[in-house]
Amino acid sequence: MKTFSLVATQKKDEKNNSNFFYTSSINKYANCVIANDAPRKLDFLVLVIETLQINATESLLIKAKNIGLSEDFCSRVNFWKLRTSNPLRKSYAFTSLSSQQIDSLVELISSMTENLYPLIRQLLSSKEPRNINEERWNIFSSRLKSLIRERMNVKRSYIDSLLKDESNEFFRELLVILSLSCGPGGATRLKASMYHQI
């Protein structure tokens, strides 16, 4: 039986050959507040990126430097501290993300999906033979669940339900979000899901 690689290799120079135009920040939304689930959603999206790509953390830090993000992304420790705002993590820091930090994470996630889009498209494709698609999903979901067990608080009922869910509905939702975050306007679409209008 053939095995299928779901992992993207790291590029040495991710700044060049890009179709994106980056800005240092995304304009703040008027009359909007940060959604309660924004830290959780952003952390899980990064977790999916880590599932799909070898040395993803290093790639994320390189990408962050290339697009001029803040010192929150200058080291693994600072980046980890950002992600501990997710209340489902083992190491929850009881902190909240600022709108600037959310904008930066949105920009970073959107830019990372450029290289990962072919893999995401394969997983979401309905045109491939069913057995091939199922094999891809088995590889992807087992890797992602392994990271969830490692990083998240498995005593939380929500995490327990994710690990037991054979339909992988939430994982599919995350991949759809990433696919919509790619390309022109991708960061804007992703950012829109992080805020509630008041």
N, C-alpha and C. Protein backbone atom coordinates (compact mmCIF):
# COMPACT_ATOMS: atom_id res chain seq x y z
N MET A 1 0.84 -1.19 0.00
CA MET A 1 0.00 0.00 0.00
C MET A 1 0.88 1.25 0.00
N LYS A 2 0.49 2.23 -0.80
CA LYS A 2 1.26 3.46 -0.85
C LYS A 2 1.03 4.29 0.41
N THR A 3 2.06 5.01 0.80
CA THR A 3 1.90 5.95 1.90
C THR A 3 1.95 7.35 1.33
N PHE A 4 1.22 8.23 1.96
CA PHE A 4 1.10 9.58 1.44
C PHE A 4 1.67 10.57 2.43
N SER A 5 2.52 11.44 1.94
CA SER A 5 3.14 12.44 2.81
C SER A 5 2.22 13.63 2.94
N LEU A 6 1.93 14.02 4.16
CA LEU A 6 1.10 15.18 4.40
C LEU A 6 1.92 16.33 4.96
N VAL A 7 3.23 16.21 4.89
CA VAL A 7 4.08 17.19 5.54
C VAL A 7 4.83 18.02 4.50
N ALA A 8 4.75 19.32 4.65
CA ALA A 8 5.48 20.21 3.76
C ALA A 8 6.88 20.42 4.30
N THR A 9 7.85 20.53 3.42
CA THR A 9 9.22 20.78 3.86
C THR A 9 9.44 22.27 4.00
N GLN A 10 10.35 22.62 4.87
CA GLN A 10 10.63 24.02 5.15
C GLN A 10 11.40 24.64 4.00
N LYS A 11 11.00 25.84 3.59
CA LYS A 11 11.74 26.58 2.58
C LYS A 11 12.82 27.41 3.27
N LYS A 12 13.97 27.53 2.61
CA LYS A 12 15.05 28.32 3.17
C LYS A 12 14.72 29.80 3.12
N ASP A 13 14.09 30.25 2.04
CA ASP A 13 13.77 31.67 1.93
C ASP A 13 12.29 31.79 1.63
N GLU A 14 11.51 32.07 2.67
CA GLU A 14 10.07 32.14 2.51
C GLU A 14 9.60 33.55 2.15
N LYS A 15 10.53 34.48 2.13
CA LYS A 15 10.14 35.86 1.85
C LYS A 15 9.97 36.08 0.35
N ASN A 16 10.80 35.41 -0.43
CA ASN A 16 10.75 35.60 -1.88
C ASN A 16 9.70 34.71 -2.50
N ASN A 17 9.40 34.98 -3.78
CA ASN A 17 8.44 34.19 -4.55
C ASN A 17 7.08 34.10 -3.87
N SER A 18 6.65 35.16 -3.24
CA SER A 18 5.36 35.17 -2.56
C SER A 18 4.37 36.03 -3.33
N ASN A 19 3.12 35.59 -3.36
CA ASN A 19 2.08 36.35 -4.03
C ASN A 19 1.35 37.27 -3.06
N PHE A 20 1.77 37.29 -1.81
CA PHE A 20 1.10 38.10 -0.80
C PHE A 20 1.76 39.45 -0.66
N PHE A 21 0.97 40.43 -0.23
CA PHE A 21 1.49 41.72 0.12
C PHE A 21 1.23 41.91 1.61
N TYR A 22 2.29 42.04 2.40
CA TYR A 22 2.15 42.09 3.84
C TYR A 22 2.21 43.53 4.33
N THR A 23 1.48 43.78 5.40
CA THR A 23 1.57 45.06 6.08
C THR A 23 1.89 44.77 7.53
N SER A 24 2.40 45.77 8.23
CA SER A 24 2.82 45.53 9.61
C SER A 24 1.64 45.30 10.54
N SER A 25 0.48 45.78 10.17
CA SER A 25 -0.70 45.53 10.99
C SER A 25 -1.93 45.60 10.11
N ILE A 26 -3.02 45.00 10.62
CA ILE A 26 -4.28 45.04 9.92
C ILE A 26 -5.14 46.07 10.62
N ASN A 27 -5.83 46.90 9.85
CA ASN A 27 -6.63 47.95 10.48
C ASN A 27 -7.62 47.37 11.48
N LYS A 28 -7.75 48.02 12.63
CA LYS A 28 -8.66 47.55 13.66
C LYS A 28 -10.10 47.73 13.20
N TYR A 29 -10.96 46.82 13.62
CA TYR A 29 -12.37 46.90 13.29
C TYR A 29 -13.06 47.86 14.27
N ALA A 30 -13.89 48.74 13.71
CA ALA A 30 -14.66 49.63 14.56
C ALA A 30 -15.88 48.89 15.10
N ASN A 31 -16.30 49.24 16.32
CA ASN A 31 -17.50 48.65 16.93
C ASN A 31 -17.45 47.13 17.03
N CYS A 32 -16.26 46.58 17.26
CA CYS A 32 -16.12 45.13 17.39
C CYS A 32 -15.31 44.79 18.64
N VAL A 33 -15.59 43.62 19.20
CA VAL A 33 -14.82 43.13 20.34
C VAL A 33 -14.26 41.76 19.99
N ILE A 34 -13.17 41.40 20.65
CA ILE A 34 -12.54 40.10 20.40
C ILE A 34 -13.47 38.99 20.88
N ALA A 35 -13.68 38.00 20.02
CA ALA A 35 -14.53 36.85 20.38
C ALA A 35 -13.88 36.05 21.49
N ASN A 36 -14.70 35.47 22.36
CA ASN A 36 -14.18 34.70 23.49
C ASN A 36 -13.34 33.50 23.04
N ASP A 37 -13.70 32.94 21.89
CA ASP A 37 -12.99 31.73 21.43
C ASP A 37 -11.81 32.04 20.51
N ALA A 38 -11.46 33.32 20.34
CA ALA A 38 -10.37 33.70 19.42
C ALA A 38 -9.03 33.06 19.80
N PRO A 39 -8.59 33.13 21.08
CA PRO A 39 -7.30 32.49 21.43
C PRO A 39 -7.30 30.99 21.16
N ARG A 40 -8.43 30.33 21.49
CA ARG A 40 -8.54 28.88 21.25
C ARG A 40 -8.46 28.57 19.77
N LYS A 41 -9.21 29.32 18.97
CA LYS A 41 -9.25 29.06 17.54
C LYS A 41 -7.88 29.28 16.88
N LEU A 42 -7.22 30.38 17.25
CA LEU A 42 -5.91 30.68 16.67
C LEU A 42 -4.88 29.62 17.05
N ASP A 43 -4.91 29.18 18.31
CA ASP A 43 -3.97 28.16 18.76
C ASP A 43 -4.20 26.85 18.02
N PHE A 44 -5.44 26.47 17.82
CA PHE A 44 -5.73 25.23 17.09
C PHE A 44 -5.33 25.34 15.61
N LEU A 45 -5.47 26.51 15.03
CA LEU A 45 -5.05 26.70 13.64
C LEU A 45 -3.53 26.54 13.51
N VAL A 46 -2.79 27.08 14.49
CA VAL A 46 -1.34 26.90 14.49
C VAL A 46 -1.00 25.42 14.70
N LEU A 47 -1.78 24.74 15.51
CA LEU A 47 -1.57 23.31 15.75
C LEU A 47 -1.74 22.51 14.46
N VAL A 48 -2.72 22.90 13.64
CA VAL A 48 -2.91 22.24 12.34
C VAL A 48 -1.70 22.48 11.44
N ILE A 49 -1.19 23.71 11.45
CA ILE A 49 0.00 24.03 10.66
C ILE A 49 1.18 23.17 11.11
N GLU A 50 1.31 22.99 12.43
CA GLU A 50 2.38 22.14 12.96
C GLU A 50 2.19 20.68 12.57
N THR A 51 0.95 20.27 12.39
CA THR A 51 0.66 18.90 11.96
C THR A 51 1.06 18.70 10.50
N LEU A 52 0.86 19.71 9.69
CA LEU A 52 1.08 19.59 8.25
C LEU A 52 2.53 19.81 7.82
N GLN A 53 3.30 20.52 8.62
CA GLN A 53 4.64 20.91 8.18
C GLN A 53 5.73 20.52 9.17
N ILE A 54 6.81 19.96 8.62
CA ILE A 54 8.00 19.65 9.42
C ILE A 54 8.65 20.95 9.89
N ASN A 55 9.12 20.95 11.14
CA ASN A 55 9.76 22.14 11.71
C ASN A 55 8.89 23.38 11.59
N ALA A 56 7.60 23.21 11.84
CA ALA A 56 6.65 24.31 11.64
C ALA A 56 6.94 25.50 12.54
N THR A 57 7.33 25.26 13.79
CA THR A 57 7.58 26.38 14.70
C THR A 57 8.71 27.26 14.18
N GLU A 58 9.77 26.61 13.69
CA GLU A 58 10.88 27.38 13.12
C GLU A 58 10.42 28.15 11.89
N SER A 59 9.62 27.51 11.06
CA SER A 59 9.10 28.18 9.86
C SER A 59 8.22 29.36 10.22
N LEU A 60 7.41 29.20 11.27
CA LEU A 60 6.54 30.29 11.72
C LEU A 60 7.37 31.48 12.20
N LEU A 61 8.44 31.22 12.94
CA LEU A 61 9.28 32.30 13.45
C LEU A 61 10.03 33.00 12.32
N ILE A 62 10.48 32.23 11.33
CA ILE A 62 11.15 32.82 10.17
C ILE A 62 10.17 33.68 9.38
N LYS A 63 8.98 33.15 9.17
CA LYS A 63 7.95 33.90 8.44
C LYS A 63 7.59 35.18 9.18
N ALA A 64 7.46 35.09 10.50
CA ALA A 64 7.12 36.26 11.30
C ALA A 64 8.18 37.35 11.17
N LYS A 65 9.43 36.94 11.16
CA LYS A 65 10.53 37.90 10.99
C LYS A 65 10.49 38.52 9.60
N ASN A 66 10.23 37.69 8.60
CA ASN A 66 10.21 38.18 7.21
C ASN A 66 9.10 39.19 6.95
N ILE A 67 7.97 39.03 7.64
CA ILE A 67 6.87 39.96 7.40
C ILE A 67 6.81 41.07 8.45
N GLY A 68 7.84 41.12 9.32
CA GLY A 68 8.00 42.25 10.23
C GLY A 68 7.08 42.26 11.43
N LEU A 69 6.79 41.10 11.99
CA LEU A 69 5.93 41.07 13.17
C LEU A 69 6.71 41.43 14.44
N SER A 70 6.00 41.63 15.54
CA SER A 70 6.58 42.14 16.78
C SER A 70 7.47 41.11 17.47
N GLU A 71 8.07 41.53 18.59
CA GLU A 71 8.98 40.65 19.33
C GLU A 71 8.25 39.50 20.03
N ASP A 72 6.91 39.50 19.99
CA ASP A 72 6.17 38.33 20.48
C ASP A 72 6.55 37.08 19.69
N PHE A 73 7.10 37.29 18.49
CA PHE A 73 7.43 36.18 17.60
C PHE A 73 8.94 36.03 17.39
N CYS A 74 9.73 36.64 18.28
CA CYS A 74 11.18 36.62 18.08
C CYS A 74 11.83 35.35 18.61
N SER A 75 11.13 34.61 19.45
CA SER A 75 11.69 33.38 20.01
C SER A 75 10.59 32.37 20.27
N ARG A 76 10.99 31.11 20.44
CA ARG A 76 10.03 30.04 20.75
C ARG A 76 9.30 30.31 22.06
N VAL A 77 10.03 30.84 23.04
CA VAL A 77 9.43 31.08 24.36
C VAL A 77 8.34 32.15 24.27
N ASN A 78 8.64 33.25 23.60
CA ASN A 78 7.65 34.32 23.46
C ASN A 78 6.42 33.83 22.68
N PHE A 79 6.68 33.04 21.65
CA PHE A 79 5.58 32.51 20.84
C PHE A 79 4.74 31.55 21.68
N TRP A 80 5.40 30.73 22.49
CA TRP A 80 4.69 29.80 23.37
C TRP A 80 3.82 30.56 24.37
N LYS A 81 4.34 31.65 24.92
CA LYS A 81 3.57 32.45 25.88
C LYS A 81 2.30 33.00 25.24
N LEU A 82 2.39 33.39 23.98
CA LEU A 82 1.20 33.85 23.27
C LEU A 82 0.13 32.77 23.23
N ARG A 83 0.57 31.56 22.97
CA ARG A 83 -0.37 30.46 22.77
C ARG A 83 -0.96 29.94 24.07
N THR A 84 -0.36 30.27 25.20
CA THR A 84 -0.91 29.82 26.49
C THR A 84 -2.15 30.62 26.90
N SER A 85 -2.58 31.53 26.04
CA SER A 85 -3.85 32.23 26.29
C SER A 85 -5.04 31.34 25.95
N ASN A 86 -4.76 30.19 25.32
CA ASN A 86 -5.80 29.21 25.03
C ASN A 86 -6.14 28.47 26.33
N PRO A 87 -7.37 28.63 26.85
CA PRO A 87 -7.72 28.02 28.15
C PRO A 87 -7.76 26.49 28.14
N LEU A 88 -7.68 25.88 26.96
CA LEU A 88 -7.71 24.42 26.88
C LEU A 88 -6.32 23.80 26.98
N ARG A 89 -5.29 24.63 27.05
CA ARG A 89 -3.92 24.11 27.15
C ARG A 89 -3.60 23.62 28.55
N LYS A 90 -2.62 22.72 28.62
CA LYS A 90 -2.13 22.26 29.92
C LYS A 90 -1.55 23.42 30.71
N SER A 91 -0.84 24.29 30.01
CA SER A 91 -0.18 25.43 30.65
C SER A 91 -0.92 26.71 30.32
N TYR A 92 -2.13 26.85 30.82
CA TYR A 92 -2.95 28.05 30.59
C TYR A 92 -2.45 29.18 31.47
N ALA A 93 -2.21 30.36 30.87
CA ALA A 93 -1.59 31.47 31.59
C ALA A 93 -2.58 32.50 32.11
N PHE A 94 -3.88 32.28 31.94
CA PHE A 94 -4.90 33.22 32.39
C PHE A 94 -4.65 34.63 31.86
N THR A 95 -4.21 34.71 30.62
CA THR A 95 -3.99 36.00 29.97
C THR A 95 -4.89 36.09 28.74
N SER A 96 -5.08 37.27 28.25
CA SER A 96 -5.88 37.46 27.04
C SER A 96 -5.01 38.09 25.96
N LEU A 97 -5.35 37.83 24.73
CA LEU A 97 -4.61 38.41 23.61
C LEU A 97 -5.11 39.82 23.32
N SER A 98 -4.18 40.71 23.04
CA SER A 98 -4.56 42.07 22.62
C SER A 98 -4.99 42.02 21.16
N SER A 99 -5.66 43.07 20.72
CA SER A 99 -6.08 43.12 19.31
C SER A 99 -4.87 43.11 18.38
N GLN A 100 -3.77 43.73 18.82
CA GLN A 100 -2.54 43.73 18.01
C GLN A 100 -1.96 42.33 17.89
N GLN A 101 -1.97 41.57 18.99
CA GLN A 101 -1.47 40.20 18.95
C GLN A 101 -2.35 39.31 18.07
N ILE A 102 -3.66 39.52 18.13
CA ILE A 102 -4.56 38.76 17.26
C ILE A 102 -4.30 39.10 15.80
N ASP A 103 -4.15 40.39 15.50
CA ASP A 103 -3.86 40.80 14.13
C ASP A 103 -2.57 40.15 13.62
N SER A 104 -1.55 40.10 14.48
CA SER A 104 -0.27 39.51 14.10
C SER A 104 -0.40 38.01 13.85
N LEU A 105 -1.12 37.32 14.72
CA LEU A 105 -1.33 35.89 14.54
C LEU A 105 -2.13 35.60 13.27
N VAL A 106 -3.12 36.42 13.02
CA VAL A 106 -3.93 36.28 11.80
C VAL A 106 -3.05 36.43 10.57
N GLU A 107 -2.21 37.47 10.58
CA GLU A 107 -1.31 37.72 9.46
C GLU A 107 -0.35 36.55 9.25
N LEU A 108 0.18 36.03 10.34
CA LEU A 108 1.14 34.93 10.28
C LEU A 108 0.48 33.65 9.76
N ILE A 109 -0.67 33.31 10.30
CA ILE A 109 -1.38 32.10 9.87
C ILE A 109 -1.76 32.20 8.39
N SER A 110 -2.27 33.36 7.99
CA SER A 110 -2.66 33.55 6.60
C SER A 110 -1.47 33.38 5.65
N SER A 111 -0.33 33.94 6.04
CA SER A 111 0.85 33.84 5.18
C SER A 111 1.40 32.42 5.11
N MET A 112 1.28 31.67 6.21
CA MET A 112 1.78 30.30 6.23
C MET A 112 0.95 29.36 5.36
N THR A 113 -0.32 29.68 5.18
CA THR A 113 -1.19 28.79 4.40
C THR A 113 -0.84 28.78 2.91
N GLU A 114 -0.04 29.76 2.47
CA GLU A 114 0.35 29.80 1.05
C GLU A 114 1.03 28.51 0.62
N ASN A 115 2.02 28.06 1.41
CA ASN A 115 2.75 26.85 1.07
C ASN A 115 1.97 25.58 1.39
N LEU A 116 1.07 25.67 2.36
CA LEU A 116 0.33 24.49 2.81
C LEU A 116 -0.96 24.25 2.05
N TYR A 117 -1.38 25.20 1.24
CA TYR A 117 -2.67 25.09 0.57
C TYR A 117 -2.84 23.80 -0.25
N PRO A 118 -1.81 23.35 -1.00
CA PRO A 118 -1.99 22.09 -1.74
C PRO A 118 -2.31 20.90 -0.84
N LEU A 119 -1.69 20.83 0.33
CA LEU A 119 -1.98 19.74 1.27
C LEU A 119 -3.38 19.86 1.84
N ILE A 120 -3.77 21.10 2.17
CA ILE A 120 -5.11 21.34 2.70
C ILE A 120 -6.16 20.96 1.66
N ARG A 121 -5.90 21.34 0.42
CA ARG A 121 -6.85 21.03 -0.66
C ARG A 121 -6.99 19.53 -0.85
N GLN A 122 -5.88 18.79 -0.76
CA GLN A 122 -5.94 17.33 -0.88
C GLN A 122 -6.84 16.72 0.19
N LEU A 123 -6.70 17.20 1.42
CA LEU A 123 -7.48 16.66 2.52
C LEU A 123 -8.97 16.97 2.38
N LEU A 124 -9.27 18.13 1.83
CA LEU A 124 -10.67 18.54 1.70
C LEU A 124 -11.30 18.09 0.38
N SER A 125 -10.49 17.55 -0.51
CA SER A 125 -10.98 17.17 -1.83
C SER A 125 -11.99 16.02 -1.76
N SER A 126 -13.03 16.13 -2.57
CA SER A 126 -14.02 15.04 -2.69
C SER A 126 -13.87 14.31 -4.01
N LYS A 127 -12.84 14.67 -4.78
CA LYS A 127 -12.64 14.10 -6.11
C LYS A 127 -11.70 12.91 -6.12
N GLU A 128 -10.93 12.77 -5.03
CA GLU A 128 -10.00 11.64 -4.95
C GLU A 128 -10.75 10.36 -4.61
N PRO A 129 -10.18 9.20 -4.95
CA PRO A 129 -10.77 7.93 -4.50
C PRO A 129 -10.90 7.92 -2.99
N ARG A 130 -11.96 7.31 -2.51
CA ARG A 130 -12.27 7.34 -1.08
C ARG A 130 -11.15 6.73 -0.23
N ASN A 131 -10.56 5.63 -0.69
CA ASN A 131 -9.52 4.97 0.11
C ASN A 131 -8.28 5.85 0.27
N ILE A 132 -7.94 6.60 -0.79
CA ILE A 132 -6.79 7.51 -0.72
C ILE A 132 -7.08 8.64 0.26
N ASN A 133 -8.28 9.24 0.15
CA ASN A 133 -8.65 10.33 1.04
C ASN A 133 -8.70 9.88 2.50
N GLU A 134 -9.21 8.67 2.71
CA GLU A 134 -9.27 8.14 4.08
C GLU A 134 -7.88 7.92 4.65
N GLU A 135 -6.96 7.48 3.81
CA GLU A 135 -5.59 7.27 4.29
C GLU A 135 -4.92 8.59 4.66
N ARG A 136 -5.14 9.59 3.82
CA ARG A 136 -4.61 10.92 4.14
C ARG A 136 -5.17 11.40 5.48
N TRP A 137 -6.48 11.22 5.67
CA TRP A 137 -7.12 11.69 6.90
C TRP A 137 -6.63 10.91 8.12
N ASN A 138 -6.40 9.64 7.96
CA ASN A 138 -5.89 8.85 9.08
C ASN A 138 -4.53 9.35 9.54
N ILE A 139 -3.66 9.66 8.57
CA ILE A 139 -2.33 10.19 8.89
C ILE A 139 -2.45 11.55 9.56
N PHE A 140 -3.25 12.42 8.95
CA PHE A 140 -3.41 13.78 9.47
C PHE A 140 -4.03 13.78 10.86
N SER A 141 -5.15 13.08 11.03
CA SER A 141 -5.86 13.11 12.30
C SER A 141 -5.05 12.47 13.43
N SER A 142 -4.31 11.40 13.12
CA SER A 142 -3.50 10.77 14.16
C SER A 142 -2.38 11.71 14.62
N ARG A 143 -1.77 12.44 13.70
CA ARG A 143 -0.73 13.41 14.06
C ARG A 143 -1.31 14.55 14.88
N LEU A 144 -2.45 15.05 14.44
CA LEU A 144 -3.07 16.17 15.14
C LEU A 144 -3.53 15.76 16.54
N LYS A 145 -4.12 14.59 16.66
CA LYS A 145 -4.56 14.12 17.97
C LYS A 145 -3.37 13.88 18.90
N SER A 146 -2.27 13.46 18.34
CA SER A 146 -1.06 13.27 19.14
C SER A 146 -0.58 14.61 19.71
N LEU A 147 -0.61 15.66 18.89
CA LEU A 147 -0.23 17.00 19.36
C LEU A 147 -1.21 17.51 20.41
N ILE A 148 -2.49 17.23 20.20
CA ILE A 148 -3.50 17.66 21.17
C ILE A 148 -3.27 17.00 22.52
N ARG A 149 -2.98 15.69 22.51
CA ARG A 149 -2.69 14.99 23.77
C ARG A 149 -1.46 15.58 24.47
N GLU A 150 -0.49 15.98 23.66
CA GLU A 150 0.76 16.51 24.20
C GLU A 150 0.60 17.91 24.78
N ARG A 151 -0.20 18.75 24.10
CA ARG A 151 -0.28 20.17 24.46
C ARG A 151 -1.50 20.55 25.29
N MET A 152 -2.60 19.83 25.11
CA MET A 152 -3.86 20.25 25.72
C MET A 152 -4.16 19.47 27.00
N ASN A 153 -5.07 20.03 27.78
CA ASN A 153 -5.50 19.42 29.03
C ASN A 153 -6.54 18.34 28.71
N VAL A 154 -6.12 17.09 28.71
CA VAL A 154 -6.99 15.99 28.30
C VAL A 154 -8.09 15.72 29.33
N LYS A 155 -8.02 16.36 30.49
CA LYS A 155 -9.08 16.21 31.49
C LYS A 155 -10.29 17.07 31.15
N ARG A 156 -10.10 18.03 30.25
CA ARG A 156 -11.23 18.86 29.84
C ARG A 156 -12.14 18.05 28.93
N SER A 157 -13.44 18.13 29.18
CA SER A 157 -14.40 17.32 28.42
C SER A 157 -14.35 17.65 26.92
N TYR A 158 -14.09 18.93 26.58
CA TYR A 158 -14.03 19.31 25.18
C TYR A 158 -12.88 18.60 24.46
N ILE A 159 -11.72 18.57 25.10
CA ILE A 159 -10.55 17.90 24.51
C ILE A 159 -10.80 16.40 24.41
N ASP A 160 -11.39 15.83 25.44
CA ASP A 160 -11.70 14.40 25.43
C ASP A 160 -12.64 14.06 24.27
N SER A 161 -13.62 14.92 24.03
CA SER A 161 -14.56 14.67 22.93
C SER A 161 -13.88 14.79 21.57
N LEU A 162 -12.92 15.72 21.44
CA LEU A 162 -12.17 15.85 20.18
C LEU A 162 -11.37 14.59 19.89
N LEU A 163 -10.74 14.06 20.92
CA LEU A 163 -9.89 12.88 20.74
C LEU A 163 -10.71 11.63 20.42
N LYS A 164 -11.95 11.60 20.87
CA LYS A 164 -12.80 10.44 20.63
C LYS A 164 -13.64 10.56 19.36
N ASP A 165 -13.69 11.76 18.79
CA ASP A 165 -14.54 11.99 17.62
C ASP A 165 -13.92 11.35 16.37
N GLU A 166 -14.58 10.35 15.84
CA GLU A 166 -14.08 9.66 14.64
C GLU A 166 -14.44 10.40 13.36
N SER A 167 -15.42 11.30 13.43
CA SER A 167 -15.83 12.04 12.23
C SER A 167 -14.87 13.18 11.90
N ASN A 168 -14.07 13.60 12.89
CA ASN A 168 -13.09 14.69 12.70
C ASN A 168 -13.74 15.98 12.20
N GLU A 169 -14.95 16.22 12.64
CA GLU A 169 -15.70 17.39 12.16
C GLU A 169 -14.98 18.70 12.48
N PHE A 170 -14.46 18.81 13.71
CA PHE A 170 -13.76 20.04 14.10
C PHE A 170 -12.48 20.22 13.30
N PHE A 171 -11.78 19.13 13.02
CA PHE A 171 -10.55 19.20 12.23
C PHE A 171 -10.84 19.67 10.81
N ARG A 172 -11.94 19.20 10.25
CA ARG A 172 -12.35 19.65 8.91
C ARG A 172 -12.67 21.14 8.93
N GLU A 173 -13.33 21.57 9.98
CA GLU A 173 -13.66 22.99 10.11
C GLU A 173 -12.39 23.83 10.14
N LEU A 174 -11.38 23.37 10.88
CA LEU A 174 -10.11 24.10 10.95
C LEU A 174 -9.44 24.18 9.58
N LEU A 175 -9.47 23.08 8.83
CA LEU A 175 -8.87 23.07 7.49
C LEU A 175 -9.61 24.01 6.55
N VAL A 176 -10.92 24.05 6.66
CA VAL A 176 -11.70 24.98 5.82
C VAL A 176 -11.33 26.42 6.15
N ILE A 177 -11.20 26.73 7.43
CA ILE A 177 -10.80 28.08 7.85
C ILE A 177 -9.44 28.42 7.27
N LEU A 178 -8.50 27.48 7.33
CA LEU A 178 -7.17 27.73 6.77
C LEU A 178 -7.23 27.93 5.27
N SER A 179 -8.04 27.14 4.59
CA SER A 179 -8.14 27.28 3.13
C SER A 179 -8.70 28.64 2.74
N LEU A 180 -9.64 29.16 3.55
CA LEU A 180 -10.22 30.47 3.28
C LEU A 180 -9.29 31.61 3.71
N SER A 181 -8.26 31.27 4.49
CA SER A 181 -7.31 32.28 4.96
C SER A 181 -6.17 32.51 3.98
N CYS A 182 -6.15 31.74 2.92
CA CYS A 182 -5.07 31.80 1.94
C CYS A 182 -5.41 32.77 0.82
N GLY A 183 -4.38 33.42 0.28
CA GLY A 183 -4.56 34.27 -0.89
C GLY A 183 -5.00 35.68 -0.56
N PRO A 184 -5.24 36.48 -1.59
CA PRO A 184 -5.67 37.87 -1.38
C PRO A 184 -6.95 37.93 -0.56
N GLY A 185 -6.94 38.76 0.46
CA GLY A 185 -8.10 38.90 1.32
C GLY A 185 -8.23 37.81 2.37
N GLY A 186 -7.30 36.84 2.37
CA GLY A 186 -7.38 35.73 3.32
C GLY A 186 -7.27 36.18 4.77
N ALA A 187 -6.33 37.09 5.03
CA ALA A 187 -6.15 37.58 6.41
C ALA A 187 -7.39 38.34 6.88
N THR A 188 -8.01 39.08 5.98
CA THR A 188 -9.22 39.82 6.34
C THR A 188 -10.36 38.87 6.68
N ARG A 189 -10.48 37.79 5.89
CA ARG A 189 -11.53 36.81 6.17
C ARG A 189 -11.30 36.12 7.51
N LEU A 190 -10.05 35.78 7.79
CA LEU A 190 -9.73 35.13 9.05
C LEU A 190 -9.97 36.07 10.23
N LYS A 191 -9.56 37.31 10.07
CA LYS A 191 -9.73 38.29 11.15
C LYS A 191 -11.21 38.50 11.47
N ALA A 192 -12.04 38.47 10.44
CA ALA A 192 -13.47 38.70 10.65
C ALA A 192 -14.07 37.67 11.59
N SER A 193 -13.51 36.46 11.61
CA SER A 193 -14.04 35.40 12.47
C SER A 193 -13.53 35.52 13.90
N MET A 194 -12.61 36.44 14.16
CA MET A 194 -12.05 36.61 15.50
C MET A 194 -12.74 37.71 16.31
N TYR A 195 -13.67 38.42 15.69
CA TYR A 195 -14.32 39.53 16.36
C TYR A 195 -15.84 39.39 16.30
N HIS A 196 -16.50 39.97 17.30
CA HIS A 196 -17.96 40.07 17.31
C HIS A 196 -18.33 41.54 17.24
N GLN A 197 -19.35 41.84 16.45
CA GLN A 197 -19.80 43.22 16.35
C GLN A 197 -20.64 43.57 17.57
N ILE A 198 -20.48 44.80 18.03
CA ILE A 198 -21.28 45.26 19.19
C ILE A 198 -22.14 46.45 18.80
